[in-house]
N, C-alpha and C. Protein backbone atom coordinates (compact mmCIF):
# COMPACT_ATOMS: atom_id res chain seq x y z
N MET A 1 81.06 89.35 -78.52
CA MET A 1 81.25 91.06 -79.16
C MET A 1 82.10 92.06 -78.59
N THR A 2 82.82 92.28 -79.83
CA THR A 2 83.51 93.90 -79.65
C THR A 2 83.17 94.74 -80.10
N THR A 3 83.73 95.69 -79.55
CA THR A 3 84.04 96.96 -80.08
C THR A 3 84.34 97.80 -81.88
N GLU A 4 85.52 96.34 -82.18
CA GLU A 4 86.21 96.86 -83.51
C GLU A 4 84.98 96.25 -84.41
N GLN A 5 84.35 94.71 -83.69
CA GLN A 5 83.28 94.25 -84.86
C GLN A 5 82.10 95.47 -84.70
N SER A 6 81.61 95.73 -83.73
CA SER A 6 80.35 97.07 -84.22
C SER A 6 80.63 98.25 -85.39
N GLN A 7 82.30 98.94 -85.09
CA GLN A 7 82.59 99.49 -85.54
C GLN A 7 82.90 99.29 -87.15
N ARG A 8 83.23 98.07 -87.06
CA ARG A 8 83.25 97.48 -88.55
C ARG A 8 82.05 97.63 -89.74
N GLY A 9 80.94 96.92 -88.95
CA GLY A 9 79.74 96.57 -89.33
C GLY A 9 79.04 98.32 -89.57
N ALA A 10 79.09 98.57 -88.50
CA ALA A 10 78.46 100.49 -88.80
C ALA A 10 79.46 101.06 -89.90
N ARG A 11 80.70 100.99 -90.24
CA ARG A 11 81.53 101.63 -91.92
C ARG A 11 80.90 100.63 -92.74
N THR A 12 80.60 99.46 -92.37
CA THR A 12 79.61 98.64 -93.95
C THR A 12 78.61 99.72 -94.32
N ILE A 13 77.94 99.29 -92.81
CA ILE A 13 76.24 99.94 -93.29
C ILE A 13 76.35 101.17 -94.23
N ARG A 14 77.64 101.77 -93.71
CA ARG A 14 77.58 103.34 -94.27
C ARG A 14 77.77 103.13 -95.63
N LEU A 15 78.19 102.43 -96.02
CA LEU A 15 79.02 102.25 -97.59
C LEU A 15 77.82 101.78 -98.64
N VAL A 16 76.25 100.94 -97.58
CA VAL A 16 75.99 101.00 -98.81
C VAL A 16 74.71 101.80 -98.80
N GLU A 17 75.09 102.18 -100.44
CA GLU A 17 74.51 103.11 -100.88
C GLU A 17 72.82 103.27 -100.95
N GLY A 18 72.27 104.40 -99.97
CA GLY A 18 70.85 104.28 -99.69
C GLY A 18 70.51 103.35 -98.52
N TYR A 19 71.35 103.35 -97.78
CA TYR A 19 71.43 102.79 -96.13
C TYR A 19 70.42 103.52 -95.19
N GLU A 20 70.34 104.63 -95.90
CA GLU A 20 69.71 105.59 -94.62
C GLU A 20 68.01 105.38 -94.69
N LEU A 21 67.46 104.81 -95.84
CA LEU A 21 66.29 104.47 -95.84
C LEU A 21 65.93 102.67 -95.73
N VAL A 22 66.46 102.01 -94.87
CA VAL A 22 66.42 100.76 -94.26
C VAL A 22 65.56 100.83 -92.92
N PRO A 23 65.66 101.49 -91.97
CA PRO A 23 64.64 101.46 -90.73
C PRO A 23 63.42 102.54 -91.31
N PRO A 24 63.21 103.03 -92.39
CA PRO A 24 61.80 103.27 -92.98
C PRO A 24 60.86 102.65 -93.37
N VAL A 25 61.79 102.23 -94.14
CA VAL A 25 61.74 100.72 -95.54
C VAL A 25 61.00 99.57 -94.63
N VAL A 26 61.81 99.30 -93.59
CA VAL A 26 61.80 98.19 -93.15
C VAL A 26 60.37 98.42 -92.02
N ARG A 27 59.74 98.88 -91.34
CA ARG A 27 58.70 99.62 -90.92
C ARG A 27 57.79 99.66 -91.51
N LEU A 28 57.41 99.80 -92.89
CA LEU A 28 56.49 100.20 -93.57
C LEU A 28 55.95 99.13 -94.19
N LEU A 29 56.89 97.75 -94.21
CA LEU A 29 56.96 96.90 -95.10
C LEU A 29 56.43 95.95 -94.09
N ALA A 30 56.74 95.86 -92.76
CA ALA A 30 56.10 95.13 -91.61
C ALA A 30 54.96 94.78 -91.37
N ALA A 31 54.45 96.06 -92.22
CA ALA A 31 52.48 96.01 -91.98
C ALA A 31 52.41 95.03 -92.89
N GLY A 32 53.44 94.65 -94.07
CA GLY A 32 52.93 93.41 -94.50
C GLY A 32 51.98 93.52 -96.00
N GLU A 33 52.33 94.93 -96.34
CA GLU A 33 51.74 95.45 -97.58
C GLU A 33 53.05 96.25 -98.62
N PRO A 34 53.12 95.57 -99.66
CA PRO A 34 54.05 97.22 -100.79
C PRO A 34 54.08 98.48 -99.99
N VAL A 35 55.22 98.98 -100.44
CA VAL A 35 55.07 100.29 -100.15
C VAL A 35 55.44 101.19 -101.16
N GLY A 36 54.90 102.61 -101.41
CA GLY A 36 54.77 103.47 -102.35
C GLY A 36 56.13 104.35 -101.91
N VAL A 37 56.57 105.00 -103.45
CA VAL A 37 57.89 105.58 -102.70
C VAL A 37 57.31 106.99 -101.82
N ASP A 38 56.29 107.34 -102.28
CA ASP A 38 55.86 108.61 -102.04
C ASP A 38 55.44 108.28 -99.86
N ALA A 39 54.86 107.58 -99.76
CA ALA A 39 54.99 107.32 -98.21
C ALA A 39 56.45 106.99 -98.14
N LEU A 40 56.93 106.28 -98.50
CA LEU A 40 58.61 106.08 -97.46
C LEU A 40 59.21 107.45 -97.57
N ALA A 41 59.07 108.34 -98.70
CA ALA A 41 59.50 109.08 -98.70
C ALA A 41 59.45 110.33 -96.88
N ALA A 42 58.30 109.84 -97.05
CA ALA A 42 57.30 111.10 -95.98
C ALA A 42 57.92 110.60 -94.80
N ALA A 43 58.09 109.11 -94.15
CA ALA A 43 58.39 108.29 -93.62
C ALA A 43 59.82 108.74 -93.06
N ALA A 44 60.86 108.71 -94.32
CA ALA A 44 61.97 109.02 -94.17
C ALA A 44 62.44 110.82 -93.88
N GLY A 45 61.17 111.93 -94.27
CA GLY A 45 62.02 113.27 -94.35
C GLY A 45 62.34 113.69 -95.62
N ARG A 46 62.68 112.81 -96.51
CA ARG A 46 63.09 113.44 -97.84
C ARG A 46 61.96 113.08 -99.10
N PRO A 47 63.00 114.30 -100.12
CA PRO A 47 61.99 114.13 -100.77
C PRO A 47 61.23 112.84 -101.60
N ALA A 48 60.66 112.83 -102.72
CA ALA A 48 60.15 111.53 -103.38
C ALA A 48 61.61 111.63 -104.39
N SER A 49 62.06 112.17 -105.30
CA SER A 49 62.74 112.31 -106.25
C SER A 49 63.58 111.56 -105.59
N GLU A 50 64.95 112.10 -104.45
CA GLU A 50 65.88 111.80 -103.60
C GLU A 50 65.42 110.00 -103.37
N VAL A 51 64.53 109.82 -102.68
CA VAL A 51 64.26 108.59 -102.52
C VAL A 51 64.05 107.41 -103.05
N LEU A 52 63.61 107.95 -104.91
CA LEU A 52 64.04 106.84 -106.06
C LEU A 52 65.01 106.94 -106.65
N ASP A 53 65.69 107.82 -106.52
CA ASP A 53 67.73 108.01 -106.86
C ASP A 53 68.70 106.83 -105.75
N LEU A 54 68.06 107.03 -104.64
CA LEU A 54 69.07 105.80 -103.73
C LEU A 54 68.25 104.89 -104.34
N LEU A 55 67.21 104.41 -103.83
CA LEU A 55 66.24 103.22 -104.32
C LEU A 55 66.93 102.84 -105.31
N ALA A 56 67.31 103.54 -106.84
CA ALA A 56 67.74 102.96 -107.58
C ALA A 56 69.31 102.72 -107.74
N LYS A 57 69.99 102.53 -106.95
CA LYS A 57 70.97 102.55 -106.85
C LYS A 57 71.31 101.44 -106.27
N GLN A 58 71.04 100.79 -105.59
CA GLN A 58 70.25 99.55 -105.34
C GLN A 58 69.81 98.39 -106.19
N PRO A 59 70.85 97.86 -107.49
CA PRO A 59 69.56 96.58 -108.05
C PRO A 59 69.09 95.89 -107.15
N GLY A 60 69.41 95.58 -105.90
CA GLY A 60 68.35 94.09 -105.73
C GLY A 60 67.30 94.93 -104.58
N VAL A 61 66.84 96.43 -104.98
CA VAL A 61 65.60 96.09 -104.25
C VAL A 61 64.31 95.22 -105.09
N GLU A 62 63.60 95.11 -104.44
CA GLU A 62 62.23 94.38 -105.18
C GLU A 62 61.33 95.16 -105.33
N TRP A 63 60.24 95.28 -106.78
CA TRP A 63 59.33 96.19 -106.66
C TRP A 63 58.84 95.26 -107.26
N ASP A 64 56.98 95.79 -106.92
CA ASP A 64 56.11 94.98 -107.61
C ASP A 64 55.51 96.52 -108.80
N ASP A 65 54.08 95.49 -109.66
CA ASP A 65 54.22 95.64 -110.83
C ASP A 65 53.37 97.53 -110.88
N ASP A 66 53.53 97.51 -109.74
CA ASP A 66 52.83 99.21 -109.81
C ASP A 66 53.20 100.23 -109.06
N GLY A 67 54.98 99.19 -109.35
CA GLY A 67 56.31 100.24 -108.87
C GLY A 67 55.84 100.98 -107.49
N ARG A 68 55.39 99.82 -106.09
CA ARG A 68 56.14 100.13 -105.17
C ARG A 68 56.49 98.77 -104.72
N ILE A 69 57.44 99.43 -103.19
CA ILE A 69 58.34 98.53 -103.04
C ILE A 69 58.05 97.59 -102.66
N VAL A 70 58.89 96.22 -102.51
CA VAL A 70 58.33 95.22 -102.21
C VAL A 70 59.84 94.70 -101.21
N GLY A 71 60.70 94.88 -101.68
CA GLY A 71 61.94 94.01 -100.32
C GLY A 71 63.22 95.43 -99.98
N PHE A 72 63.76 95.38 -99.47
CA PHE A 72 65.04 96.17 -99.36
C PHE A 72 65.25 95.73 -98.03
N GLY A 73 66.24 94.27 -97.84
CA GLY A 73 66.39 94.12 -96.25
C GLY A 73 65.36 92.87 -95.87
N LEU A 74 63.80 94.02 -95.93
CA LEU A 74 63.04 93.40 -95.08
C LEU A 74 62.37 93.20 -96.63
N THR A 75 61.53 91.37 -96.74
CA THR A 75 61.00 91.59 -98.00
C THR A 75 60.11 90.26 -97.95
N LEU A 76 58.84 91.50 -98.54
CA LEU A 76 57.90 90.11 -98.32
C LEU A 76 57.06 88.71 -99.36
N ARG A 77 58.36 88.87 -100.42
CA ARG A 77 58.63 87.87 -100.70
C ARG A 77 59.73 86.67 -99.63
N PRO A 78 58.90 85.24 -100.17
CA PRO A 78 59.25 84.21 -99.54
C PRO A 78 61.36 84.12 -99.30
N THR A 79 61.90 83.90 -98.73
CA THR A 79 63.11 83.83 -98.88
C THR A 79 63.40 82.19 -97.82
N PRO A 80 64.70 81.93 -97.50
CA PRO A 80 64.82 80.84 -96.03
C PRO A 80 64.79 81.38 -94.68
N HIS A 81 64.47 82.51 -95.12
CA HIS A 81 64.80 83.22 -93.81
C HIS A 81 63.41 83.74 -92.81
N ARG A 82 63.01 83.90 -91.97
CA ARG A 82 61.24 83.95 -91.86
C ARG A 82 61.43 84.88 -90.38
N PHE A 83 60.84 85.48 -90.25
CA PHE A 83 60.70 86.42 -89.18
C PHE A 83 58.81 86.88 -88.34
N THR A 84 58.24 86.45 -87.75
CA THR A 84 57.28 86.10 -87.85
C THR A 84 57.02 86.99 -86.29
N PHE A 85 55.92 87.91 -86.06
CA PHE A 85 55.73 88.62 -84.64
C PHE A 85 54.78 89.03 -84.75
N ASP A 86 53.65 88.90 -83.66
CA ASP A 86 52.02 89.15 -84.12
C ASP A 86 51.40 88.00 -85.00
N THR A 87 50.56 88.66 -85.87
CA THR A 87 50.22 87.34 -87.04
C THR A 87 51.15 87.96 -87.67
N THR A 88 52.04 88.63 -88.05
CA THR A 88 52.84 88.91 -90.17
C THR A 88 53.87 87.36 -89.69
N THR A 89 53.78 87.43 -91.38
CA THR A 89 55.55 86.80 -91.22
C THR A 89 55.72 87.60 -92.74
N VAL A 90 57.08 88.03 -92.22
CA VAL A 90 57.91 88.46 -93.46
C VAL A 90 59.23 87.63 -93.04
N TYR A 91 60.08 88.64 -94.46
CA TYR A 91 61.36 87.28 -94.59
C TYR A 91 63.06 88.45 -94.38
N GLY A 92 63.88 87.77 -94.39
CA GLY A 92 65.13 88.86 -94.44
C GLY A 92 65.51 88.54 -95.94
N TRP A 93 66.39 89.50 -96.27
CA TRP A 93 67.16 88.60 -97.37
C TRP A 93 68.14 88.02 -97.28
N CYS A 94 68.90 88.23 -95.50
CA CYS A 94 69.98 86.98 -95.26
C CYS A 94 69.32 86.60 -93.90
N ALA A 95 69.87 86.26 -93.40
CA ALA A 95 70.32 85.96 -91.31
C ALA A 95 70.23 86.68 -90.25
N SER A 96 71.38 87.97 -90.66
CA SER A 96 71.71 88.43 -90.13
C SER A 96 69.85 89.64 -89.85
N ASP A 97 69.97 89.98 -90.92
CA ASP A 97 68.75 90.74 -91.30
C ASP A 97 67.23 90.29 -90.02
N THR A 98 66.80 89.40 -90.27
CA THR A 98 66.16 89.06 -89.57
C THR A 98 66.17 88.76 -87.72
N LEU A 99 67.68 89.04 -87.34
CA LEU A 99 67.61 89.31 -86.22
C LEU A 99 67.63 90.79 -85.97
N MET A 100 68.09 91.46 -87.03
CA MET A 100 68.05 92.97 -86.82
C MET A 100 66.11 93.57 -86.81
N PHE A 101 65.32 92.74 -87.38
CA PHE A 101 64.47 93.00 -87.33
C PHE A 101 63.76 93.67 -86.14
N PRO A 102 63.82 93.06 -85.03
CA PRO A 102 63.39 92.92 -83.77
C PRO A 102 63.76 94.71 -83.45
N ILE A 103 65.40 94.20 -83.35
CA ILE A 103 65.70 95.85 -82.90
C ILE A 103 64.46 96.96 -83.68
N ILE A 104 64.68 96.67 -84.81
CA ILE A 104 64.45 98.18 -85.68
C ILE A 104 62.59 98.33 -85.30
N LEU A 105 61.26 97.40 -84.77
CA LEU A 105 60.82 97.59 -85.03
C LEU A 105 60.38 97.19 -83.28
N GLY A 106 60.60 96.88 -82.57
CA GLY A 106 60.75 97.18 -81.42
C GLY A 106 60.09 96.03 -80.73
N THR A 107 59.82 95.03 -81.42
CA THR A 107 59.28 93.79 -81.27
C THR A 107 59.51 92.34 -80.71
N GLU A 108 59.15 91.60 -80.05
CA GLU A 108 59.61 89.95 -80.13
C GLU A 108 58.96 89.26 -81.11
N GLY A 109 59.51 88.18 -81.44
CA GLY A 109 59.00 87.39 -82.54
C GLY A 109 59.93 86.31 -82.54
N VAL A 110 59.87 85.69 -83.45
CA VAL A 110 60.27 84.84 -83.63
C VAL A 110 60.91 84.12 -85.53
N VAL A 111 62.30 83.50 -84.98
CA VAL A 111 62.99 83.55 -86.61
C VAL A 111 63.31 82.10 -86.70
N GLU A 112 62.69 81.78 -88.05
CA GLU A 112 63.02 80.17 -88.90
C GLU A 112 63.17 80.09 -89.91
N SER A 113 64.53 79.63 -89.59
CA SER A 113 65.68 79.35 -91.23
C SER A 113 66.38 77.77 -90.77
N GLU A 114 66.46 77.36 -92.06
CA GLU A 114 67.61 76.40 -92.10
C GLU A 114 68.93 76.80 -92.19
N CYS A 115 69.92 74.96 -91.51
CA CYS A 115 71.06 75.37 -91.50
C CYS A 115 71.76 75.47 -93.45
N ALA A 116 72.35 76.25 -93.75
CA ALA A 116 73.20 76.27 -95.27
C ALA A 116 73.30 75.26 -95.80
N ALA A 117 74.04 74.11 -94.66
CA ALA A 117 74.72 72.75 -94.75
C ALA A 117 74.03 71.84 -94.94
N THR A 118 73.28 71.58 -94.06
CA THR A 118 72.74 70.47 -93.74
C THR A 118 71.22 70.53 -94.09
N GLY A 119 70.34 71.45 -93.80
CA GLY A 119 69.13 71.54 -94.34
C GLY A 119 68.16 71.80 -92.71
N GLY A 120 68.63 71.19 -91.50
CA GLY A 120 68.17 71.46 -91.11
C GLY A 120 67.48 72.58 -90.26
N PRO A 121 66.27 72.27 -89.61
CA PRO A 121 66.12 73.71 -88.58
C PRO A 121 66.38 74.54 -87.67
N ILE A 122 66.31 75.76 -87.85
CA ILE A 122 66.90 76.47 -86.69
C ILE A 122 65.62 77.63 -86.09
N ARG A 123 65.76 77.62 -85.49
CA ARG A 123 64.77 78.79 -84.38
C ARG A 123 65.09 79.20 -83.76
N VAL A 124 64.88 80.69 -83.54
CA VAL A 124 66.11 82.16 -82.58
C VAL A 124 64.11 82.59 -81.95
N THR A 125 63.98 82.89 -80.46
CA THR A 125 63.34 83.44 -80.34
C THR A 125 63.73 84.66 -79.56
N LEU A 126 63.43 85.66 -80.39
CA LEU A 126 64.25 87.37 -79.79
C LEU A 126 62.79 88.65 -79.12
N GLY A 127 63.88 89.76 -78.75
CA GLY A 127 63.13 91.11 -78.52
C GLY A 127 63.93 91.94 -79.31
N PRO A 128 63.84 93.51 -79.21
CA PRO A 128 64.60 94.41 -79.62
C PRO A 128 66.07 93.97 -78.24
N HIS A 129 65.46 93.35 -76.93
CA HIS A 129 66.79 93.62 -76.07
C HIS A 129 67.84 92.13 -76.07
N GLY A 130 67.23 91.71 -76.78
CA GLY A 130 68.20 90.39 -76.47
C GLY A 130 67.11 88.55 -77.44
N VAL A 131 68.30 87.85 -77.50
CA VAL A 131 68.26 86.51 -77.90
C VAL A 131 67.93 86.02 -76.40
N ARG A 132 66.27 84.70 -76.37
CA ARG A 132 65.68 84.28 -75.60
C ARG A 132 66.05 82.83 -75.45
N SER A 133 66.29 82.55 -76.92
CA SER A 133 66.48 81.09 -77.38
C SER A 133 66.85 80.40 -79.23
N VAL A 134 67.52 79.91 -78.92
CA VAL A 134 68.47 79.31 -80.00
C VAL A 134 68.27 77.51 -80.12
N GLU A 135 67.62 77.53 -81.02
CA GLU A 135 67.45 76.36 -81.42
C GLU A 135 68.06 75.72 -83.36
N PRO A 136 69.18 74.21 -82.97
CA PRO A 136 70.21 74.11 -82.04
C PRO A 136 70.99 75.75 -81.18
N ALA A 137 71.53 75.33 -79.77
CA ALA A 137 71.74 76.45 -79.57
C ALA A 137 73.11 76.77 -79.64
N GLU A 138 73.57 75.82 -80.93
CA GLU A 138 75.11 76.22 -81.19
C GLU A 138 75.45 76.58 -82.93
N ALA A 139 73.95 77.54 -83.18
CA ALA A 139 73.65 77.72 -84.12
C ALA A 139 74.58 78.96 -84.57
N VAL A 140 75.00 79.38 -85.70
CA VAL A 140 75.86 80.55 -85.27
C VAL A 140 75.88 80.87 -87.98
N VAL A 141 75.95 81.90 -87.28
CA VAL A 141 75.85 83.35 -88.35
C VAL A 141 76.99 83.89 -89.24
N SER A 142 76.73 83.80 -90.32
CA SER A 142 78.30 83.79 -91.58
C SER A 142 77.46 85.97 -92.11
N GLU A 143 78.81 85.83 -92.06
CA GLU A 143 79.05 87.74 -92.67
C GLU A 143 79.69 87.88 -92.84
N VAL A 144 79.56 89.03 -94.29
CA VAL A 144 80.69 89.28 -94.91
C VAL A 144 81.25 90.45 -94.65
N ARG A 145 81.69 91.46 -94.91
CA ARG A 145 81.63 92.87 -94.63
C ARG A 145 82.48 93.63 -95.16
N PRO A 146 81.64 94.05 -96.66
CA PRO A 146 83.10 94.82 -97.69
C PRO A 146 83.96 96.64 -97.08
N GLN A 147 84.94 96.52 -96.96
CA GLN A 147 85.09 97.28 -97.29
C GLN A 147 85.20 98.96 -97.88
N ASP A 148 84.89 98.72 -99.03
CA ASP A 148 84.68 99.66 -100.09
C ASP A 148 83.19 100.00 -100.31
N VAL A 149 82.84 101.04 -101.55
CA VAL A 149 81.39 101.26 -101.24
C VAL A 149 80.56 99.68 -101.34
N VAL A 150 79.35 99.81 -101.30
CA VAL A 150 78.43 98.73 -101.47
C VAL A 150 77.14 99.13 -102.38
N ARG A 151 77.49 98.26 -103.81
CA ARG A 151 76.81 98.82 -104.62
C ARG A 151 75.28 98.02 -104.91
N ASP A 152 75.60 96.41 -104.88
CA ASP A 152 74.32 95.99 -104.55
C ASP A 152 74.29 94.99 -103.71
N VAL A 153 73.73 95.68 -102.37
CA VAL A 153 73.80 94.80 -100.92
C VAL A 153 73.39 93.19 -101.11
N ARG A 154 72.89 93.30 -101.69
CA ARG A 154 72.13 91.30 -101.86
C ARG A 154 72.90 91.17 -101.90
N THR A 155 73.60 91.30 -103.25
CA THR A 155 74.43 90.02 -103.54
C THR A 155 76.01 90.14 -102.91
N GLU A 156 76.40 91.37 -102.32
CA GLU A 156 77.89 91.73 -101.63
C GLU A 156 77.37 91.61 -100.64
N ILE A 157 77.08 91.58 -99.89
CA ILE A 157 76.55 90.94 -98.25
C ILE A 157 75.47 90.21 -98.10
N CYS A 158 74.02 90.22 -98.30
CA CYS A 158 72.67 89.43 -97.81
C CYS A 158 73.07 88.12 -98.44
N GLY A 159 73.72 88.01 -99.86
CA GLY A 159 73.96 86.54 -100.21
C GLY A 159 74.75 85.74 -99.52
N LEU A 160 75.39 86.39 -98.73
CA LEU A 160 76.53 85.20 -97.94
C LEU A 160 76.03 85.14 -96.27
N GLY A 161 75.26 86.02 -96.40
CA GLY A 161 74.71 85.85 -94.86
C GLY A 161 73.81 84.32 -94.91
N HIS A 162 74.43 83.33 -93.84
CA HIS A 162 73.35 82.21 -93.83
C HIS A 162 74.08 82.08 -92.25
N PHE A 163 72.75 81.43 -92.21
CA PHE A 163 72.46 80.76 -90.49
C PHE A 163 72.79 78.80 -90.37
N PHE A 164 73.70 78.19 -90.05
CA PHE A 164 74.61 76.99 -89.59
C PHE A 164 74.52 76.70 -88.87
N SER A 165 74.28 75.14 -88.49
CA SER A 165 73.47 74.67 -87.23
C SER A 165 74.66 74.45 -86.36
N SER A 166 76.04 74.79 -86.53
CA SER A 166 77.12 75.06 -85.96
C SER A 166 78.14 75.43 -86.45
N ARG A 167 79.38 75.12 -85.94
CA ARG A 167 80.23 75.97 -86.16
C ARG A 167 81.20 75.01 -87.54
N GLU A 168 80.70 73.93 -87.09
CA GLU A 168 81.24 72.73 -87.45
C GLU A 168 80.77 73.08 -88.67
N ALA A 169 79.83 73.11 -89.00
CA ALA A 169 78.68 73.03 -90.22
C ALA A 169 79.07 74.41 -91.25
N ALA A 170 79.23 75.10 -90.50
CA ALA A 170 79.56 76.19 -91.10
C ALA A 170 81.43 76.40 -91.73
N ALA A 171 82.27 75.12 -91.73
CA ALA A 171 83.40 75.03 -91.76
C ALA A 171 83.93 75.47 -93.57
N GLU A 172 83.32 74.66 -94.61
CA GLU A 172 83.52 74.81 -95.36
C GLU A 172 83.05 76.30 -96.02
N TRP A 173 81.84 76.98 -95.91
CA TRP A 173 81.73 78.51 -95.98
C TRP A 173 82.72 79.12 -95.84
N VAL A 174 83.28 79.03 -94.09
CA VAL A 174 84.83 79.79 -93.65
C VAL A 174 85.67 79.64 -94.88
N ALA A 175 86.11 78.43 -94.84
CA ALA A 175 87.03 78.18 -95.87
C ALA A 175 87.15 78.86 -97.34
N ALA A 176 85.71 78.96 -97.92
CA ALA A 176 85.62 79.40 -98.95
C ALA A 176 85.39 80.86 -98.78
N HIS A 177 85.49 81.35 -97.66
CA HIS A 177 85.13 83.31 -98.27
C HIS A 177 86.42 83.19 -96.61
N PRO A 178 87.20 83.11 -96.27
CA PRO A 178 88.71 84.08 -95.89
C PRO A 178 88.16 85.48 -95.54
N GLU A 179 87.77 85.61 -96.22
CA GLU A 179 87.59 87.19 -95.81
C GLU A 179 86.26 87.29 -94.62
N GLY A 180 85.13 86.95 -94.25
CA GLY A 180 84.21 86.49 -94.00
C GLY A 180 84.54 86.30 -92.29
N GLN A 181 83.56 85.74 -92.07
CA GLN A 181 83.41 85.30 -90.26
C GLN A 181 82.05 84.66 -89.69
N VAL A 182 81.91 84.00 -88.73
CA VAL A 182 81.40 83.39 -88.23
C VAL A 182 81.05 84.27 -86.59
N ASN A 183 79.79 83.91 -86.75
CA ASN A 183 79.35 84.72 -85.07
C ASN A 183 78.58 84.06 -84.68
N THR A 184 77.74 83.41 -83.42
CA THR A 184 77.11 82.37 -82.70
C THR A 184 75.63 83.67 -82.81
N VAL A 185 74.61 83.04 -82.75
CA VAL A 185 73.71 84.11 -82.65
C VAL A 185 73.15 84.82 -82.08
N HIS A 186 73.31 85.20 -80.83
CA HIS A 186 73.87 85.95 -79.49
C HIS A 186 74.89 86.93 -79.79
N GLU A 187 75.53 86.77 -79.82
CA GLU A 187 77.01 87.76 -80.81
C GLU A 187 76.17 88.62 -81.58
N ASP A 188 75.77 87.96 -82.78
CA ASP A 188 75.27 88.09 -83.81
C ASP A 188 74.41 89.65 -83.83
N PHE A 189 73.68 89.06 -82.89
CA PHE A 189 72.10 90.40 -82.31
C PHE A 189 73.05 91.45 -81.37
N MET A 190 73.88 91.04 -80.84
CA MET A 190 74.48 92.01 -80.33
C MET A 190 75.49 93.35 -80.95
N VAL A 191 76.51 92.35 -81.88
CA VAL A 191 76.64 93.45 -82.93
C VAL A 191 76.05 94.33 -83.29
N HIS A 192 75.16 93.88 -83.56
CA HIS A 192 74.04 95.08 -84.55
C HIS A 192 73.09 95.44 -83.81
N ARG A 193 73.31 95.01 -82.59
CA ARG A 193 72.25 96.24 -81.67
C ARG A 193 73.78 97.56 -81.40
N ALA A 194 74.66 97.30 -80.82
CA ALA A 194 75.50 97.90 -81.38
C ALA A 194 75.33 99.20 -82.18
N VAL A 195 75.48 98.31 -83.21
CA VAL A 195 76.31 99.49 -84.57
C VAL A 195 73.92 100.25 -84.88
N PHE A 196 73.51 99.30 -84.02
CA PHE A 196 72.38 100.32 -84.30
C PHE A 196 72.27 101.59 -83.32
N GLU A 197 72.85 101.25 -82.45
CA GLU A 197 72.72 102.33 -81.48
C GLU A 197 73.84 103.38 -82.09
N GLU A 198 74.82 103.42 -82.56
CA GLU A 198 75.70 104.01 -83.54
C GLU A 198 75.02 104.75 -84.57
N LEU A 199 74.17 103.75 -84.78
CA LEU A 199 73.94 104.84 -85.97
C LEU A 199 72.60 105.95 -85.99
N GLU A 200 72.22 105.51 -84.32
CA GLU A 200 70.81 106.44 -84.06
C GLU A 200 69.74 105.82 -84.26
N TRP A 201 69.86 104.73 -84.81
CA TRP A 201 68.56 103.75 -85.27
C TRP A 201 67.56 103.24 -84.43
N GLY A 202 66.93 104.46 -83.92
CA GLY A 202 66.15 103.71 -82.87
C GLY A 202 64.89 102.73 -83.13
N THR A 203 64.05 102.46 -82.57
CA THR A 203 63.00 101.45 -82.13
C THR A 203 61.79 101.78 -82.24
N GLY A 204 60.77 101.07 -83.32
CA GLY A 204 59.53 101.40 -83.77
C GLY A 204 58.72 101.62 -82.53
N ARG A 205 59.32 100.85 -81.85
CA ARG A 205 57.71 100.41 -80.61
C ARG A 205 58.68 99.88 -79.16
N THR A 206 58.52 99.50 -77.76
CA THR A 206 58.76 99.30 -77.36
C THR A 206 58.07 97.88 -76.59
N GLU A 207 59.22 96.63 -75.69
CA GLU A 207 58.50 95.40 -75.26
C GLU A 207 57.41 95.95 -74.28
């Protein structure tokens, strides 16, 4: 991990419309139920009208039929990227999301996904302070970090964030996305932990 990577990551997050809502919405959704706008507004310390305006700027935000939030980074709807902690399983929009959840939630858990190239299983055991194990050990994470305002984080960033079983397995993705990069799972976790420290996003509880 480099300081440049963490600074670039923090800059990218600040370019995401509504990024300030990520920690409170992740913590609320981690309870396993849809979240009302009023509840998110109270957790974020912002007026409900302002929260609704911020969410409206991200077309990828998922809603249920009752107007409650179902997904923003962390989602209750199945994706290839699962994070299980305690007795709860939630999902991430991208590979890096699942590595961020333990930091935001302050909990240990297991990430399960699959290689985007081979379909092979990938399993990561981790907590808010570090990655404990990665299977296979050579697994990497792809990412793209735009330099302009991000108006659709799910398409512009999350849709390009995958697990691969190795750098060799990610070679085709790298060739197709020269603006992107791949990190080991350990590197990706540490970059995001440094980013969160810079953004002053504390954890929800401690180990």
